[in-house]
Amino acid sequence: MLLHFLSIMLQRVLSFVLTGFETSNRYEIKNTLGQIVYCAAEDTDCCTRNCCGPARPFTLRIIDNLGHEVITLQRPLRCSSCCFPCCLQELEVQAPPGTPVGYVVQNWHPCLPKFTIQDEKRMDVLKIIGPCVICSCCEDINFEVKSVDESSTVGRISKQWTGFLKEAFTDADNFGISFPMDLDVKMKAVMIGACFLIDFMFFEHAGDKQQRVGVWQ
């Protein structure tokens, strides 16, 4: 199976270190040659960021090199707990802005992080299943992208181990995404949204003293 790969770095500005306040995230999205193809910025207010932390609602705007907003990600405010179905997370992906093309919906499970990728009509397209324990200890953390019936693996979202120095002294997270080359372009945008949601839910922590950094290649 031919797979397409993206490598992701999620970058946040340094204001938190200097002021003690949670700042809005900034991102660069690069291709395999290291060229910046998109930039992204979180659109939230200071009160929301500091009161709600990683569980905060947000609008994330992805901008091309001409300054045009090409993808908008919207996450509503919901409890970060996954103990009850009413607390499950959801992300809407719009491309272009204002036109929903798909959704990332968290599925309830007693121990596994599970998500469904849906199209604009809320029809299930893919599943995402993470490991039982979300712990980065000298190895990558893989979220497997599977068919709807979960019988076959078609891709992966990985939080990549960056080495002891980066893991210990920076809040730098690298992600990789792989998916079938013939996957609908709308679903590729939703997969990007899924990566952002996974990062916010499992790898961004309120009170981090250094900033999360990430790049898409």
N, C-alpha and C. Protein backbone atom coordinates (compact mmCIF):
# COMPACT_ATOMS: atom_id res chain seq x y z
N MET A 1 0.85 -1.19 0.00
CA MET A 1 0.00 0.00 0.00
C MET A 1 0.88 1.25 0.00
N LEU A 2 0.61 2.17 -0.90
CA LEU A 2 1.35 3.42 -0.95
C LEU A 2 0.83 4.36 0.13
N LEU A 3 1.75 4.88 0.93
CA LEU A 3 1.38 5.79 2.00
C LEU A 3 2.02 7.14 1.77
N HIS A 4 1.33 8.17 2.20
CA HIS A 4 1.85 9.53 2.15
C HIS A 4 2.22 9.92 3.58
N PHE A 5 3.36 10.60 3.72
CA PHE A 5 3.85 10.91 5.05
C PHE A 5 3.89 12.42 5.29
N LEU A 6 3.54 12.82 6.51
CA LEU A 6 3.72 14.18 6.99
C LEU A 6 4.49 14.08 8.30
N SER A 7 5.39 15.02 8.53
CA SER A 7 6.09 15.08 9.79
C SER A 7 5.75 16.42 10.42
N ILE A 8 5.35 16.42 11.67
CA ILE A 8 4.72 17.59 12.28
C ILE A 8 5.47 18.11 13.48
N MET A 9 5.61 19.41 13.55
CA MET A 9 6.14 20.05 14.74
C MET A 9 5.13 21.09 15.20
N LEU A 10 4.81 21.10 16.47
CA LEU A 10 3.81 22.01 17.01
C LEU A 10 4.52 23.06 17.85
N GLN A 11 4.45 24.32 17.44
CA GLN A 11 5.28 25.36 18.04
C GLN A 11 4.45 26.40 18.77
N ARG A 12 4.88 26.71 19.99
CA ARG A 12 4.22 27.73 20.78
C ARG A 12 5.24 28.81 21.15
N VAL A 13 4.81 30.07 21.21
CA VAL A 13 5.75 31.17 21.47
C VAL A 13 6.24 31.13 22.90
N LEU A 14 7.30 31.92 23.18
CA LEU A 14 7.99 31.84 24.45
C LEU A 14 7.38 32.66 25.58
N SER A 15 6.24 33.28 25.37
CA SER A 15 5.70 34.20 26.35
C SER A 15 5.43 33.53 27.70
N PHE A 16 5.09 32.24 27.68
CA PHE A 16 4.77 31.57 28.93
C PHE A 16 5.96 31.59 29.88
N VAL A 17 7.16 31.39 29.34
CA VAL A 17 8.35 31.37 30.18
C VAL A 17 8.57 32.73 30.82
N LEU A 18 8.29 33.78 30.07
CA LEU A 18 8.58 35.13 30.53
C LEU A 18 7.50 35.69 31.44
N THR A 19 6.23 35.29 31.23
CA THR A 19 5.14 35.91 31.96
C THR A 19 4.41 34.96 32.89
N GLY A 20 4.53 33.65 32.68
CA GLY A 20 3.80 32.69 33.49
C GLY A 20 2.39 32.45 33.00
N PHE A 21 2.00 33.06 31.89
CA PHE A 21 0.67 32.89 31.33
C PHE A 21 0.70 31.99 30.11
N GLU A 22 -0.32 31.16 29.99
CA GLU A 22 -0.46 30.29 28.82
C GLU A 22 -0.70 31.16 27.59
N THR A 23 0.05 30.93 26.52
CA THR A 23 -0.08 31.72 25.31
C THR A 23 -0.68 30.89 24.19
N SER A 24 -1.18 31.57 23.18
CA SER A 24 -1.77 30.86 22.04
C SER A 24 -0.68 30.18 21.24
N ASN A 25 -0.99 29.01 20.72
CA ASN A 25 -0.01 28.21 19.99
C ASN A 25 0.18 28.73 18.57
N ARG A 26 1.41 28.60 18.06
CA ARG A 26 1.75 28.91 16.68
C ARG A 26 2.40 27.69 16.06
N TYR A 27 2.16 27.48 14.79
CA TYR A 27 2.65 26.27 14.15
C TYR A 27 3.23 26.57 12.77
N GLU A 28 4.19 25.73 12.35
CA GLU A 28 4.67 25.71 10.98
C GLU A 28 4.42 24.33 10.40
N ILE A 29 3.97 24.29 9.17
CA ILE A 29 3.67 23.02 8.50
C ILE A 29 4.60 22.93 7.29
N LYS A 30 5.46 21.90 7.28
CA LYS A 30 6.48 21.77 6.25
C LYS A 30 6.29 20.49 5.45
N ASN A 31 6.81 20.50 4.24
CA ASN A 31 6.78 19.29 3.42
C ASN A 31 8.03 18.46 3.68
N THR A 32 8.20 17.39 2.93
CA THR A 32 9.32 16.48 3.15
C THR A 32 10.67 17.11 2.84
N LEU A 33 10.67 18.23 2.12
CA LEU A 33 11.92 18.94 1.81
C LEU A 33 12.26 19.99 2.86
N GLY A 34 11.41 20.10 3.89
CA GLY A 34 11.63 21.10 4.92
C GLY A 34 11.12 22.47 4.56
N GLN A 35 10.34 22.57 3.49
CA GLN A 35 9.79 23.86 3.06
C GLN A 35 8.47 24.13 3.77
N ILE A 36 8.30 25.34 4.24
CA ILE A 36 7.06 25.71 4.92
C ILE A 36 5.94 25.82 3.88
N VAL A 37 4.90 25.03 4.03
CA VAL A 37 3.77 25.09 3.11
C VAL A 37 2.55 25.74 3.76
N TYR A 38 2.46 25.65 5.08
CA TYR A 38 1.37 26.29 5.81
C TYR A 38 1.89 26.78 7.15
N CYS A 39 1.21 27.78 7.68
CA CYS A 39 1.39 28.19 9.07
C CYS A 39 0.02 28.07 9.74
N ALA A 40 0.03 27.91 11.04
CA ALA A 40 -1.23 27.78 11.77
C ALA A 40 -1.15 28.55 13.07
N ALA A 41 -2.28 29.08 13.50
CA ALA A 41 -2.32 29.86 14.73
C ALA A 41 -3.61 29.58 15.48
N GLU A 42 -3.47 29.43 16.79
CA GLU A 42 -4.63 29.24 17.65
C GLU A 42 -5.29 30.58 17.92
N ASP A 43 -6.61 30.62 17.83
CA ASP A 43 -7.37 31.84 18.06
C ASP A 43 -8.22 31.66 19.31
N THR A 44 -7.64 32.00 20.47
CA THR A 44 -8.36 31.96 21.74
C THR A 44 -7.96 33.17 22.57
N ASP A 45 -8.77 33.50 23.57
CA ASP A 45 -8.43 34.63 24.44
C ASP A 45 -7.64 34.14 25.65
N CYS A 46 -7.00 35.07 26.32
CA CYS A 46 -6.12 34.76 27.44
C CYS A 46 -6.87 34.06 28.57
N CYS A 47 -8.07 34.51 28.86
CA CYS A 47 -8.85 33.92 29.95
C CYS A 47 -9.16 32.45 29.66
N THR A 48 -9.57 32.16 28.43
CA THR A 48 -9.89 30.78 28.07
C THR A 48 -8.66 29.89 28.19
N ARG A 49 -7.52 30.35 27.70
CA ARG A 49 -6.31 29.54 27.74
C ARG A 49 -5.88 29.22 29.16
N ASN A 50 -5.97 30.23 30.05
CA ASN A 50 -5.45 30.03 31.40
C ASN A 50 -6.46 29.38 32.33
N CYS A 51 -7.74 29.50 32.05
CA CYS A 51 -8.76 28.88 32.90
C CYS A 51 -9.04 27.43 32.49
N CYS A 52 -9.02 27.15 31.20
CA CYS A 52 -9.40 25.82 30.71
C CYS A 52 -8.21 24.94 30.39
N GLY A 53 -7.02 25.53 30.22
CA GLY A 53 -5.83 24.73 29.96
C GLY A 53 -5.96 23.90 28.69
N PRO A 54 -5.43 22.67 28.69
CA PRO A 54 -5.45 21.82 27.50
C PRO A 54 -6.86 21.44 27.06
N ALA A 55 -7.85 21.54 27.96
CA ALA A 55 -9.23 21.17 27.61
C ALA A 55 -9.98 22.32 26.94
N ARG A 56 -9.29 23.43 26.70
CA ARG A 56 -9.96 24.63 26.23
C ARG A 56 -10.57 24.48 24.83
N PRO A 57 -11.66 25.18 24.57
CA PRO A 57 -12.16 25.25 23.20
C PRO A 57 -11.21 26.13 22.39
N PHE A 58 -11.13 25.90 21.08
CA PHE A 58 -10.26 26.74 20.28
C PHE A 58 -10.71 26.74 18.83
N THR A 59 -10.29 27.78 18.14
CA THR A 59 -10.32 27.83 16.68
C THR A 59 -8.88 27.89 16.22
N LEU A 60 -8.50 26.98 15.35
CA LEU A 60 -7.14 26.94 14.81
C LEU A 60 -7.20 27.25 13.33
N ARG A 61 -6.49 28.27 12.91
CA ARG A 61 -6.53 28.73 11.52
C ARG A 61 -5.24 28.32 10.80
N ILE A 62 -5.37 27.58 9.70
CA ILE A 62 -4.23 27.14 8.91
C ILE A 62 -4.15 28.00 7.66
N ILE A 63 -2.99 28.64 7.48
CA ILE A 63 -2.80 29.67 6.45
C ILE A 63 -1.77 29.22 5.44
N ASP A 64 -2.02 29.46 4.14
CA ASP A 64 -1.03 29.11 3.13
C ASP A 64 0.01 30.23 2.99
N ASN A 65 0.98 30.04 2.08
CA ASN A 65 2.07 31.01 1.94
C ASN A 65 1.63 32.34 1.34
N LEU A 66 0.42 32.38 0.79
CA LEU A 66 -0.11 33.64 0.25
C LEU A 66 -0.95 34.38 1.28
N GLY A 67 -1.04 33.82 2.49
CA GLY A 67 -1.80 34.47 3.54
C GLY A 67 -3.28 34.13 3.55
N HIS A 68 -3.68 33.13 2.76
CA HIS A 68 -5.09 32.74 2.70
C HIS A 68 -5.37 31.63 3.72
N GLU A 69 -6.45 31.77 4.45
CA GLU A 69 -6.86 30.73 5.38
C GLU A 69 -7.49 29.59 4.59
N VAL A 70 -6.90 28.41 4.65
CA VAL A 70 -7.36 27.29 3.83
C VAL A 70 -8.08 26.20 4.64
N ILE A 71 -7.76 26.09 5.92
CA ILE A 71 -8.40 25.11 6.79
C ILE A 71 -8.66 25.76 8.14
N THR A 72 -9.83 25.50 8.70
CA THR A 72 -10.16 25.98 10.04
C THR A 72 -10.56 24.78 10.89
N LEU A 73 -9.97 24.68 12.08
CA LEU A 73 -10.30 23.63 13.03
C LEU A 73 -11.03 24.25 14.21
N GLN A 74 -12.17 23.69 14.59
CA GLN A 74 -12.93 24.22 15.70
C GLN A 74 -13.22 23.12 16.72
N ARG A 75 -12.83 23.38 17.95
CA ARG A 75 -13.06 22.44 19.04
C ARG A 75 -13.94 23.10 20.09
N PRO A 76 -15.12 22.55 20.39
CA PRO A 76 -15.98 23.12 21.42
C PRO A 76 -15.47 22.77 22.81
N LEU A 77 -15.96 23.49 23.81
CA LEU A 77 -15.58 23.22 25.20
C LEU A 77 -16.31 21.99 25.71
N ARG A 78 -15.53 21.01 26.14
CA ARG A 78 -16.09 19.82 26.77
C ARG A 78 -15.14 19.35 27.86
N CYS A 79 -15.70 18.69 28.85
CA CYS A 79 -14.88 18.18 29.94
C CYS A 79 -13.81 17.27 29.39
N SER A 80 -12.60 17.32 29.98
CA SER A 80 -11.50 16.51 29.49
C SER A 80 -11.61 15.05 29.92
N SER A 81 -12.52 14.76 30.85
CA SER A 81 -12.68 13.38 31.30
C SER A 81 -13.33 12.54 30.23
N CYS A 82 -12.94 11.27 30.15
CA CYS A 82 -13.55 10.35 29.19
C CYS A 82 -14.37 9.28 29.91
N CYS A 83 -14.75 9.54 31.17
CA CYS A 83 -15.48 8.54 31.96
C CYS A 83 -16.92 8.38 31.50
N PHE A 84 -17.47 9.43 30.89
CA PHE A 84 -18.86 9.38 30.49
C PHE A 84 -18.99 9.85 29.04
N PRO A 85 -19.94 9.30 28.29
CA PRO A 85 -20.11 9.68 26.88
C PRO A 85 -20.33 11.17 26.67
N CYS A 86 -20.93 11.85 27.65
CA CYS A 86 -21.21 13.28 27.48
C CYS A 86 -19.95 14.12 27.53
N CYS A 87 -18.84 13.54 27.94
CA CYS A 87 -17.58 14.28 28.09
C CYS A 87 -16.63 14.08 26.91
N LEU A 88 -17.05 13.37 25.90
CA LEU A 88 -16.14 13.04 24.82
C LEU A 88 -15.84 14.25 23.94
N GLN A 89 -14.63 14.27 23.41
CA GLN A 89 -14.15 15.40 22.63
C GLN A 89 -14.57 15.30 21.16
N GLU A 90 -14.61 16.46 20.50
CA GLU A 90 -14.96 16.50 19.08
C GLU A 90 -14.27 17.69 18.43
N LEU A 91 -13.90 17.53 17.17
CA LEU A 91 -13.26 18.60 16.41
C LEU A 91 -13.93 18.68 15.04
N GLU A 92 -14.30 19.89 14.63
CA GLU A 92 -14.86 20.11 13.29
C GLU A 92 -13.78 20.68 12.39
N VAL A 93 -13.68 20.14 11.17
CA VAL A 93 -12.69 20.60 10.19
C VAL A 93 -13.42 21.27 9.04
N GLN A 94 -13.04 22.51 8.75
CA GLN A 94 -13.64 23.27 7.66
C GLN A 94 -12.60 23.57 6.59
N ALA A 95 -12.93 23.32 5.34
CA ALA A 95 -12.00 23.60 4.23
C ALA A 95 -12.82 23.79 2.95
N PRO A 96 -12.94 25.05 2.48
CA PRO A 96 -12.41 26.28 3.07
C PRO A 96 -13.17 26.67 4.33
N PRO A 97 -12.70 27.70 5.06
CA PRO A 97 -13.37 28.13 6.28
C PRO A 97 -14.86 28.36 6.05
N GLY A 98 -15.67 27.82 6.98
CA GLY A 98 -17.10 27.95 6.87
C GLY A 98 -17.78 26.77 6.21
N THR A 99 -16.99 25.88 5.60
CA THR A 99 -17.53 24.70 4.92
C THR A 99 -17.03 23.44 5.61
N PRO A 100 -17.84 22.80 6.47
CA PRO A 100 -17.39 21.59 7.15
C PRO A 100 -17.12 20.46 6.15
N VAL A 101 -15.97 19.80 6.29
CA VAL A 101 -15.64 18.67 5.43
C VAL A 101 -15.48 17.38 6.22
N GLY A 102 -15.49 17.49 7.55
CA GLY A 102 -15.36 16.29 8.35
C GLY A 102 -15.22 16.59 9.83
N TYR A 103 -15.21 15.51 10.60
CA TYR A 103 -15.18 15.62 12.06
C TYR A 103 -14.26 14.56 12.64
N VAL A 104 -13.65 14.89 13.78
CA VAL A 104 -12.91 13.92 14.58
C VAL A 104 -13.70 13.75 15.87
N VAL A 105 -14.19 12.56 16.13
CA VAL A 105 -15.07 12.31 17.26
C VAL A 105 -14.43 11.28 18.18
N GLN A 106 -14.25 11.63 19.45
CA GLN A 106 -13.73 10.67 20.40
C GLN A 106 -14.79 9.62 20.72
N ASN A 107 -14.37 8.37 20.78
CA ASN A 107 -15.26 7.26 21.13
C ASN A 107 -14.97 6.79 22.55
N TRP A 108 -16.00 6.46 23.29
CA TRP A 108 -15.79 6.01 24.65
C TRP A 108 -15.16 4.63 24.67
N HIS A 109 -14.14 4.48 25.54
CA HIS A 109 -13.51 3.19 25.77
C HIS A 109 -12.90 3.23 27.16
N PRO A 110 -12.97 2.15 27.93
CA PRO A 110 -12.49 2.18 29.31
C PRO A 110 -10.99 2.41 29.45
N CYS A 111 -10.20 2.07 28.44
CA CYS A 111 -8.75 2.23 28.61
C CYS A 111 -8.00 2.71 27.38
N LEU A 112 -8.60 2.65 26.19
CA LEU A 112 -7.90 3.05 24.98
C LEU A 112 -8.40 4.40 24.47
N PRO A 113 -7.50 5.26 23.98
CA PRO A 113 -7.94 6.46 23.26
C PRO A 113 -8.42 6.06 21.87
N LYS A 114 -9.68 6.30 21.58
CA LYS A 114 -10.24 5.90 20.29
C LYS A 114 -11.00 7.08 19.68
N PHE A 115 -10.88 7.21 18.36
CA PHE A 115 -11.54 8.29 17.63
C PHE A 115 -12.12 7.75 16.33
N THR A 116 -13.13 8.45 15.83
CA THR A 116 -13.69 8.16 14.52
C THR A 116 -13.51 9.37 13.62
N ILE A 117 -13.01 9.13 12.42
CA ILE A 117 -12.95 10.16 11.39
C ILE A 117 -14.24 10.09 10.59
N GLN A 118 -14.97 11.19 10.53
CA GLN A 118 -16.24 11.24 9.82
C GLN A 118 -16.18 12.26 8.68
N ASP A 119 -16.98 12.04 7.64
CA ASP A 119 -17.06 13.01 6.56
C ASP A 119 -18.08 14.09 6.91
N GLU A 120 -18.34 14.97 5.95
CA GLU A 120 -19.23 16.10 6.22
C GLU A 120 -20.67 15.69 6.51
N LYS A 121 -21.05 14.47 6.12
CA LYS A 121 -22.40 13.96 6.37
C LYS A 121 -22.46 13.12 7.65
N ARG A 122 -21.38 13.14 8.41
CA ARG A 122 -21.28 12.38 9.66
C ARG A 122 -21.24 10.88 9.42
N MET A 123 -20.79 10.47 8.25
CA MET A 123 -20.61 9.06 7.96
C MET A 123 -19.19 8.66 8.38
N ASP A 124 -19.07 7.52 9.06
CA ASP A 124 -17.77 7.05 9.51
C ASP A 124 -16.90 6.67 8.32
N VAL A 125 -15.63 7.12 8.35
CA VAL A 125 -14.69 6.84 7.27
C VAL A 125 -13.50 6.02 7.77
N LEU A 126 -12.93 6.40 8.90
CA LEU A 126 -11.77 5.74 9.46
C LEU A 126 -11.87 5.71 10.98
N LYS A 127 -11.07 4.87 11.60
CA LYS A 127 -10.95 4.82 13.05
C LYS A 127 -9.50 5.12 13.44
N ILE A 128 -9.31 5.67 14.62
CA ILE A 128 -7.98 5.89 15.18
C ILE A 128 -7.95 5.26 16.56
N ILE A 129 -6.94 4.43 16.82
CA ILE A 129 -6.83 3.75 18.10
C ILE A 129 -5.43 3.96 18.65
N GLY A 130 -5.35 4.51 19.86
CA GLY A 130 -4.07 4.76 20.50
C GLY A 130 -3.71 3.67 21.49
N PRO A 131 -2.52 3.79 22.11
CA PRO A 131 -2.07 2.79 23.08
C PRO A 131 -2.80 2.94 24.41
N CYS A 132 -2.77 1.89 25.21
CA CYS A 132 -3.45 1.90 26.50
C CYS A 132 -2.82 2.92 27.44
N VAL A 133 -1.51 3.03 27.44
CA VAL A 133 -0.80 3.96 28.30
C VAL A 133 -0.12 5.00 27.43
N ILE A 134 -0.49 6.26 27.62
CA ILE A 134 0.13 7.35 26.86
C ILE A 134 1.38 7.79 27.61
N CYS A 135 2.50 7.21 27.27
CA CYS A 135 3.74 7.52 27.96
C CYS A 135 4.89 7.50 26.96
N SER A 136 5.61 8.61 26.86
CA SER A 136 6.75 8.69 25.95
C SER A 136 8.02 8.37 26.73
N CYS A 137 8.51 7.17 26.59
CA CYS A 137 9.71 6.74 27.30
C CYS A 137 10.67 6.11 26.30
N CYS A 138 11.43 6.97 25.64
CA CYS A 138 12.47 6.54 24.69
C CYS A 138 11.90 5.81 23.48
N GLU A 139 10.66 6.08 23.13
CA GLU A 139 10.08 5.44 21.96
C GLU A 139 8.92 6.27 21.43
N ASP A 140 8.56 6.02 20.18
CA ASP A 140 7.42 6.70 19.58
C ASP A 140 6.12 6.21 20.20
N ILE A 141 5.11 7.08 20.18
CA ILE A 141 3.77 6.70 20.61
C ILE A 141 2.88 6.69 19.37
N ASN A 142 2.34 5.54 19.05
CA ASN A 142 1.62 5.37 17.79
C ASN A 142 0.12 5.28 17.99
N PHE A 143 -0.61 6.07 17.20
CA PHE A 143 -2.06 5.99 17.11
C PHE A 143 -2.36 5.40 15.73
N GLU A 144 -2.84 4.17 15.72
CA GLU A 144 -3.07 3.46 14.46
C GLU A 144 -4.35 3.95 13.78
N VAL A 145 -4.24 4.22 12.48
CA VAL A 145 -5.41 4.59 11.68
C VAL A 145 -5.92 3.33 11.00
N LYS A 146 -7.18 3.00 11.25
CA LYS A 146 -7.73 1.73 10.78
C LYS A 146 -8.98 1.93 9.94
N SER A 147 -9.36 0.87 9.25
CA SER A 147 -10.63 0.87 8.52
C SER A 147 -11.77 0.97 9.52
N VAL A 148 -12.96 1.26 9.04
CA VAL A 148 -14.11 1.46 9.93
C VAL A 148 -14.38 0.22 10.79
N ASP A 149 -14.21 -0.96 10.22
CA ASP A 149 -14.44 -2.18 10.99
C ASP A 149 -13.23 -2.59 11.83
N GLU A 150 -12.17 -1.78 11.78
CA GLU A 150 -10.95 -1.98 12.57
C GLU A 150 -10.21 -3.26 12.20
N SER A 151 -10.49 -3.81 11.04
CA SER A 151 -9.86 -5.07 10.63
C SER A 151 -8.49 -4.87 9.99
N SER A 152 -8.22 -3.66 9.49
CA SER A 152 -6.94 -3.43 8.82
C SER A 152 -6.40 -2.05 9.17
N THR A 153 -5.07 -1.95 9.22
CA THR A 153 -4.40 -0.68 9.50
C THR A 153 -4.04 0.00 8.18
N VAL A 154 -4.44 1.27 8.03
CA VAL A 154 -4.20 1.99 6.77
C VAL A 154 -3.28 3.19 6.95
N GLY A 155 -2.92 3.50 8.16
CA GLY A 155 -2.05 4.65 8.40
C GLY A 155 -1.70 4.76 9.86
N ARG A 156 -1.10 5.91 10.22
CA ARG A 156 -0.65 6.07 11.59
C ARG A 156 -0.42 7.54 11.90
N ILE A 157 -0.72 7.94 13.12
CA ILE A 157 -0.31 9.22 13.68
C ILE A 157 0.64 8.91 14.82
N SER A 158 1.87 9.43 14.75
CA SER A 158 2.89 9.08 15.74
C SER A 158 3.41 10.32 16.44
N LYS A 159 3.48 10.25 17.76
CA LYS A 159 4.22 11.25 18.52
C LYS A 159 5.63 10.69 18.63
N GLN A 160 6.58 11.35 18.00
CA GLN A 160 7.90 10.78 17.82
C GLN A 160 8.85 11.18 18.96
N TRP A 161 9.60 10.20 19.43
CA TRP A 161 10.60 10.45 20.47
C TRP A 161 11.70 11.33 19.89
N THR A 162 12.00 12.43 20.57
CA THR A 162 12.96 13.40 20.04
C THR A 162 14.31 13.37 20.74
N GLY A 163 14.50 12.45 21.68
CA GLY A 163 15.78 12.36 22.38
C GLY A 163 15.69 12.95 23.77
N PHE A 164 16.62 12.55 24.62
CA PHE A 164 16.57 12.95 26.03
C PHE A 164 16.64 14.45 26.23
N LEU A 165 17.52 15.13 25.49
CA LEU A 165 17.70 16.56 25.71
C LEU A 165 16.45 17.34 25.36
N LYS A 166 15.88 17.07 24.18
CA LYS A 166 14.68 17.80 23.78
C LYS A 166 13.49 17.46 24.67
N GLU A 167 13.35 16.18 25.03
CA GLU A 167 12.23 15.77 25.86
C GLU A 167 12.33 16.36 27.26
N ALA A 168 13.58 16.49 27.77
CA ALA A 168 13.76 16.95 29.14
C ALA A 168 13.77 18.47 29.27
N PHE A 169 14.32 19.16 28.27
CA PHE A 169 14.56 20.59 28.42
C PHE A 169 13.73 21.47 27.51
N THR A 170 12.91 20.88 26.66
CA THR A 170 11.99 21.67 25.85
C THR A 170 10.62 21.01 25.88
N ASP A 171 9.62 21.76 25.46
CA ASP A 171 8.28 21.21 25.29
C ASP A 171 8.07 20.97 23.80
N ALA A 172 9.03 20.26 23.19
CA ALA A 172 9.03 20.08 21.74
C ALA A 172 8.49 18.71 21.38
N ASP A 173 7.43 18.69 20.61
CA ASP A 173 6.82 17.44 20.18
C ASP A 173 6.83 17.35 18.66
N ASN A 174 7.33 16.25 18.14
CA ASN A 174 7.29 15.97 16.71
C ASN A 174 6.25 14.89 16.45
N PHE A 175 5.46 15.10 15.43
CA PHE A 175 4.45 14.12 15.05
C PHE A 175 4.65 13.70 13.59
N GLY A 176 4.27 12.50 13.30
CA GLY A 176 4.27 12.02 11.93
C GLY A 176 2.90 11.46 11.59
N ILE A 177 2.47 11.69 10.36
CA ILE A 177 1.20 11.15 9.89
C ILE A 177 1.44 10.37 8.60
N SER A 178 0.88 9.19 8.51
CA SER A 178 0.90 8.45 7.25
C SER A 178 -0.52 8.03 6.92
N PHE A 179 -0.87 8.10 5.65
CA PHE A 179 -2.20 7.70 5.20
C PHE A 179 -2.13 7.31 3.73
N PRO A 180 -3.12 6.59 3.23
CA PRO A 180 -3.07 6.14 1.83
C PRO A 180 -2.98 7.32 0.86
N MET A 181 -2.19 7.17 -0.19
CA MET A 181 -2.03 8.22 -1.19
C MET A 181 -3.35 8.61 -1.83
N ASP A 182 -4.26 7.63 -1.97
CA ASP A 182 -5.52 7.92 -2.65
C ASP A 182 -6.63 8.36 -1.70
N LEU A 183 -6.29 8.64 -0.44
CA LEU A 183 -7.29 9.13 0.50
C LEU A 183 -7.83 10.48 0.04
N ASP A 184 -9.14 10.66 0.14
CA ASP A 184 -9.77 11.91 -0.28
C ASP A 184 -9.10 13.10 0.40
N VAL A 185 -8.88 14.17 -0.34
CA VAL A 185 -8.17 15.33 0.19
C VAL A 185 -8.89 15.92 1.40
N LYS A 186 -10.22 15.82 1.43
CA LYS A 186 -10.96 16.31 2.59
C LYS A 186 -10.60 15.51 3.83
N MET A 187 -10.47 14.19 3.67
CA MET A 187 -10.13 13.34 4.81
C MET A 187 -8.68 13.55 5.25
N LYS A 188 -7.82 13.95 4.32
CA LYS A 188 -6.45 14.29 4.71
C LYS A 188 -6.46 15.51 5.64
N ALA A 189 -7.31 16.48 5.32
CA ALA A 189 -7.44 17.65 6.18
C ALA A 189 -7.97 17.25 7.56
N VAL A 190 -8.91 16.30 7.59
CA VAL A 190 -9.46 15.84 8.87
C VAL A 190 -8.40 15.08 9.66
N MET A 191 -7.53 14.33 8.97
CA MET A 191 -6.44 13.65 9.64
C MET A 191 -5.49 14.65 10.31
N ILE A 192 -5.23 15.76 9.64
CA ILE A 192 -4.42 16.82 10.24
C ILE A 192 -5.10 17.34 11.50
N GLY A 193 -6.42 17.55 11.41
CA GLY A 193 -7.17 17.97 12.58
C GLY A 193 -7.06 16.97 13.72
N ALA A 194 -7.11 15.68 13.40
CA ALA A 194 -7.00 14.64 14.42
C ALA A 194 -5.67 14.73 15.15
N CYS A 195 -4.61 15.03 14.42
CA CYS A 195 -3.30 15.15 15.04
C CYS A 195 -3.27 16.29 16.06
N PHE A 196 -3.86 17.42 15.69
CA PHE A 196 -3.93 18.54 16.62
C PHE A 196 -4.74 18.18 17.86
N LEU A 197 -5.88 17.53 17.68
CA LEU A 197 -6.72 17.17 18.81
C LEU A 197 -5.97 16.21 19.74
N ILE A 198 -5.29 15.23 19.18
CA ILE A 198 -4.51 14.28 19.98
C ILE A 198 -3.43 15.00 20.77
N ASP A 199 -2.77 15.97 20.14
CA ASP A 199 -1.73 16.71 20.84
C ASP A 199 -2.31 17.47 22.03
N PHE A 200 -3.42 18.18 21.82
CA PHE A 200 -4.04 18.94 22.91
C PHE A 200 -4.49 18.02 24.03
N MET A 201 -5.05 16.87 23.69
CA MET A 201 -5.63 15.99 24.70
C MET A 201 -4.57 15.25 25.52
N PHE A 202 -3.47 14.85 24.89
CA PHE A 202 -2.54 13.95 25.56
C PHE A 202 -1.14 14.49 25.78
N PHE A 203 -0.74 15.53 25.05
CA PHE A 203 0.65 15.95 25.11
C PHE A 203 0.85 17.42 25.46
N GLU A 204 -0.22 18.16 25.65
CA GLU A 204 -0.09 19.53 26.12
C GLU A 204 -0.60 19.58 27.54
N HIS A 205 0.24 20.11 28.43
CA HIS A 205 -0.09 20.11 29.84
C HIS A 205 -0.07 21.53 30.38
N ALA A 206 -1.11 21.89 31.11
CA ALA A 206 -1.13 23.19 31.75
C ALA A 206 0.05 23.29 32.70
N GLY A 207 0.76 24.42 32.65
CA GLY A 207 1.89 24.60 33.54
C GLY A 207 3.22 24.19 32.95
N ASP A 208 3.25 23.74 31.72
CA ASP A 208 4.52 23.46 31.07
C ASP A 208 5.37 24.72 31.09
N LYS A 209 6.65 24.58 31.39
CA LYS A 209 7.51 25.75 31.50
C LYS A 209 8.21 26.07 30.19
N GLN A 210 8.09 25.19 29.23
CA GLN A 210 8.70 25.48 27.94
C GLN A 210 7.71 25.11 26.85
N GLN A 211 7.93 25.65 25.69
CA GLN A 211 6.92 25.64 24.66
C GLN A 211 6.95 24.40 23.77
N ARG A 212 5.75 24.03 23.35
CA ARG A 212 5.60 22.90 22.45
C ARG A 212 6.01 23.34 21.05
N VAL A 213 6.84 22.55 20.44
CA VAL A 213 7.31 22.87 19.10
C VAL A 213 6.98 21.71 18.18
N GLY A 214 6.54 22.00 16.97
CA GLY A 214 6.24 20.94 16.05
C GLY A 214 6.29 21.39 14.61
N VAL A 215 6.57 20.52 13.66
CA VAL A 215 6.65 20.87 12.24
C VAL A 215 6.02 19.81 11.37
N TRP A 216 5.32 20.25 10.34
CA TRP A 216 4.77 19.31 9.33
C TRP A 216 5.72 19.26 8.16
N GLN A 217 6.13 18.08 7.78
CA GLN A 217 6.98 17.94 6.60
C GLN A 217 6.27 17.12 5.57
